Amino acid sequence: MCRNIKTLFNFEPPATEDEIHASALQFVRKLSGFNKPSQSNEAAFDLAVTEVSDAARKLLISLQTNAPARDREIEAEKARERSRLRFG
């Protein structure tokens, strides 16, 4: 599951709300062991995703770096190349 959590810091353009939420969702899924929680656990699960999203957003806003921002397309191409080499 956690393979879908991508680095969100220091990219141009910056991470979107959807990307932050998707990472939070994957994190909560991993912690809870639920892909989709039962109705009795849904409220707690959803609250956890919201709180993790908020924490991630605050973290991304507060981080600083002197490194130049990475380009999303270049990083995506590097990932595709690694995948091609790994899986053929």
C-alpha atoms as a PDB file:
ATOM      1  CA  MET A   1       0.000   0.000   0.000  1.00  0.00           C
ATOM      2  CA  CYS A   2       2.624   2.557   0.969  1.00  0.00           C
ATOM      3  CA  ARG A   3       4.298   2.368  -2.395  1.00  0.00           C
ATOM      4  CA  ASN A   4       1.644   4.847  -3.519  1.00  0.00           C
ATOM      5  CA  ILE A   5       2.786   7.493  -1.058  1.00  0.00           C
ATOM      6  CA  LYS A   6       4.929   9.851  -3.077  1.00  0.00           C
ATOM      7  CA  THR A   7       7.283  12.607  -1.989  1.00  0.00           C
ATOM      8  CA  LEU A   8       5.304  15.844  -2.097  1.00  0.00           C
ATOM      9  CA  PHE A   9       7.881  18.394  -0.948  1.00  0.00           C
ATOM     10  CA  ASN A  10       9.928  20.668  -3.196  1.00  0.00           C
ATOM     11  CA  PHE A  11       8.097  20.170  -6.467  1.00  0.00           C
ATOM     12  CA  GLU A  12       7.017  22.672  -9.035  1.00  0.00           C
ATOM     13  CA  PRO A  13       4.072  23.013  -9.179  1.00  0.00           C
ATOM     14  CA  PRO A  14       3.489  22.358  -5.458  1.00  0.00           C
ATOM     15  CA  ALA A  15       1.483  19.381  -4.192  1.00  0.00           C
ATOM     16  CA  THR A  16      -2.251  19.647  -4.695  1.00  0.00           C
ATOM     17  CA  GLU A  17      -4.911  19.018  -2.075  1.00  0.00           C
ATOM     18  CA  ASP A  18      -5.811  15.798  -3.903  1.00  0.00           C
ATOM     19  CA  GLU A  19      -2.225  14.531  -3.681  1.00  0.00           C
ATOM     20  CA  ILE A  20      -2.016  15.360   0.017  1.00  0.00           C
ATOM     21  CA  HIS A  21      -5.352  13.643   0.672  1.00  0.00           C
ATOM     22  CA  ALA A  22      -4.327  10.552  -1.337  1.00  0.00           C
ATOM     23  CA  SER A  23      -1.117  10.227   0.678  1.00  0.00           C
ATOM     24  CA  ALA A  24      -3.025  10.621   3.943  1.00  0.00           C
ATOM     25  CA  LEU A  25      -5.540   8.008   2.840  1.00  0.00           C
ATOM     26  CA  GLN A  26      -2.786   5.500   2.010  1.00  0.00           C
ATOM     27  CA  PHE A  27      -1.090   6.192   5.346  1.00  0.00           C
ATOM     28  CA  VAL A  28      -4.288   5.634   7.338  1.00  0.00           C
ATOM     29  CA  ARG A  29      -5.059   2.494   5.324  1.00  0.00           C
ATOM     30  CA  LYS A  30      -1.638   1.126   6.168  1.00  0.00           C
ATOM     31  CA  LEU A  31      -1.911   1.952   9.863  1.00  0.00           C
ATOM     32  CA  SER A  32      -5.438   0.605  10.255  1.00  0.00           C
ATOM     33  CA  GLY A  33      -5.113  -2.407   7.994  1.00  0.00           C
ATOM     34  CA  PHE A  34      -8.389  -1.415   6.317  1.00  0.00           C
ATOM     35  CA  ASN A  35      -8.722  -0.689   2.641  1.00  0.00           C
ATOM     36  CA  LYS A  36     -12.329   0.295   3.291  1.00  0.00           C
ATOM     37  CA  PRO A  37     -13.454   0.422   6.922  1.00  0.00           C
ATOM     38  CA  SER A  38     -16.708  -1.031   8.201  1.00  0.00           C
ATOM     39  CA  GLN A  39     -19.597   1.343   8.853  1.00  0.00           C
ATOM     40  CA  SER A  40     -18.841   1.294  12.565  1.00  0.00           C
ATOM     41  CA  ASN A  41     -15.241   2.411  11.914  1.00  0.00           C
ATOM     42  CA  GLU A  42     -15.898   4.769   9.011  1.00  0.00           C
ATOM     43  CA  ALA A  43     -16.185   7.963  11.097  1.00  0.00           C
ATOM     44  CA  ALA A  44     -12.910   7.299  12.926  1.00  0.00           C
ATOM     45  CA  PHE A  45     -11.196   6.369   9.659  1.00  0.00           C
ATOM     46  CA  ASP A  46     -12.414   9.522   7.893  1.00  0.00           C
ATOM     47  CA  LEU A  47     -11.408  11.705  10.840  1.00  0.00           C
ATOM     48  CA  ALA A  48      -7.931  10.183  10.810  1.00  0.00           C
ATOM     49  CA  VAL A  49      -7.563  10.870   7.069  1.00  0.00           C
ATOM     50  CA  THR A  50      -8.615  14.499   7.619  1.00  0.00           C
ATOM     51  CA  GLU A  51      -6.221  14.968  10.525  1.00  0.00           C
ATOM     52  CA  VAL A  52      -3.302  13.367   8.683  1.00  0.00           C
ATOM     53  CA  SER A  53      -4.052  15.548   5.629  1.00  0.00           C
ATOM     54  CA  ASP A  54      -4.024  18.652   7.817  1.00  0.00           C
ATOM     55  CA  ALA A  55      -0.746  17.645   9.447  1.00  0.00           C
ATOM     56  CA  ALA A  56       0.839  16.875   6.070  1.00  0.00           C
ATOM     57  CA  ARG A  57      -0.297  20.220   4.645  1.00  0.00           C
ATOM     58  CA  LYS A  58       1.182  22.071   7.657  1.00  0.00           C
ATOM     59  CA  LEU A  59       4.416  20.136   7.285  1.00  0.00           C
ATOM     60  CA  LEU A  60       4.751  20.898   3.575  1.00  0.00           C
ATOM     61  CA  ILE A  61       4.084  24.600   4.179  1.00  0.00           C
ATOM     62  CA  SER A  62       6.639  24.842   6.980  1.00  0.00           C
ATOM     63  CA  LEU A  63       9.514  22.953   5.315  1.00  0.00           C
ATOM     64  CA  GLN A  64      12.312  24.979   3.774  1.00  0.00           C
ATOM     65  CA  THR A  65      15.091  24.103   1.361  1.00  0.00           C
ATOM     66  CA  ASN A  66      17.780  25.805  -0.684  1.00  0.00           C
ATOM     67  CA  ALA A  67      17.594  23.117  -3.350  1.00  0.00           C
ATOM     68  CA  PRO A  68      15.874  23.997  -6.604  1.00  0.00           C
ATOM     69  CA  ALA A  69      12.336  22.683  -6.990  1.00  0.00           C
ATOM     70  CA  ARG A  70      12.086  19.388  -8.837  1.00  0.00           C
ATOM     71  CA  ASP A  71      10.068  19.153 -12.013  1.00  0.00           C
ATOM     72  CA  ARG A  72       7.193  16.677 -11.804  1.00  0.00           C
ATOM     73  CA  GLU A  73       7.523  15.533 -15.410  1.00  0.00           C
ATOM     74  CA  ILE A  74      11.247  14.846 -15.120  1.00  0.00           C
ATOM     75  CA  GLU A  75      10.734  12.887 -11.890  1.00  0.00           C
ATOM     76  CA  ALA A  76       7.860  10.923 -13.454  1.00  0.00           C
ATOM     77  CA  GLU A  77      10.050  10.033 -16.421  1.00  0.00           C
ATOM     78  CA  LYS A  78      12.830   8.851 -14.095  1.00  0.00           C
ATOM     79  CA  ALA A  79      10.303   6.653 -12.261  1.00  0.00           C
ATOM     80  CA  ARG A  80       9.052   5.177 -15.543  1.00  0.00           C
ATOM     81  CA  GLU A  81      12.629   4.413 -16.575  1.00  0.00           C
ATOM     82  CA  ARG A  82      13.368   2.717 -13.225  1.00  0.00           C
ATOM     83  CA  SER A  83      10.197   0.679 -13.612  1.00  0.00           C
ATOM     84  CA  ARG A  84      11.102  -0.300 -17.183  1.00  0.00           C
ATOM     85  CA  LEU A  85      14.559  -1.442 -16.074  1.00  0.00           C
ATOM     86  CA  ARG A  86      13.148  -3.324 -13.099  1.00  0.00           C
ATOM     87  CA  PHE A  87      10.218  -5.047 -14.798  1.00  0.00           C
ATOM     88  CA  GLY A  88      11.303  -5.068 -18.413  1.00  0.00           C
END
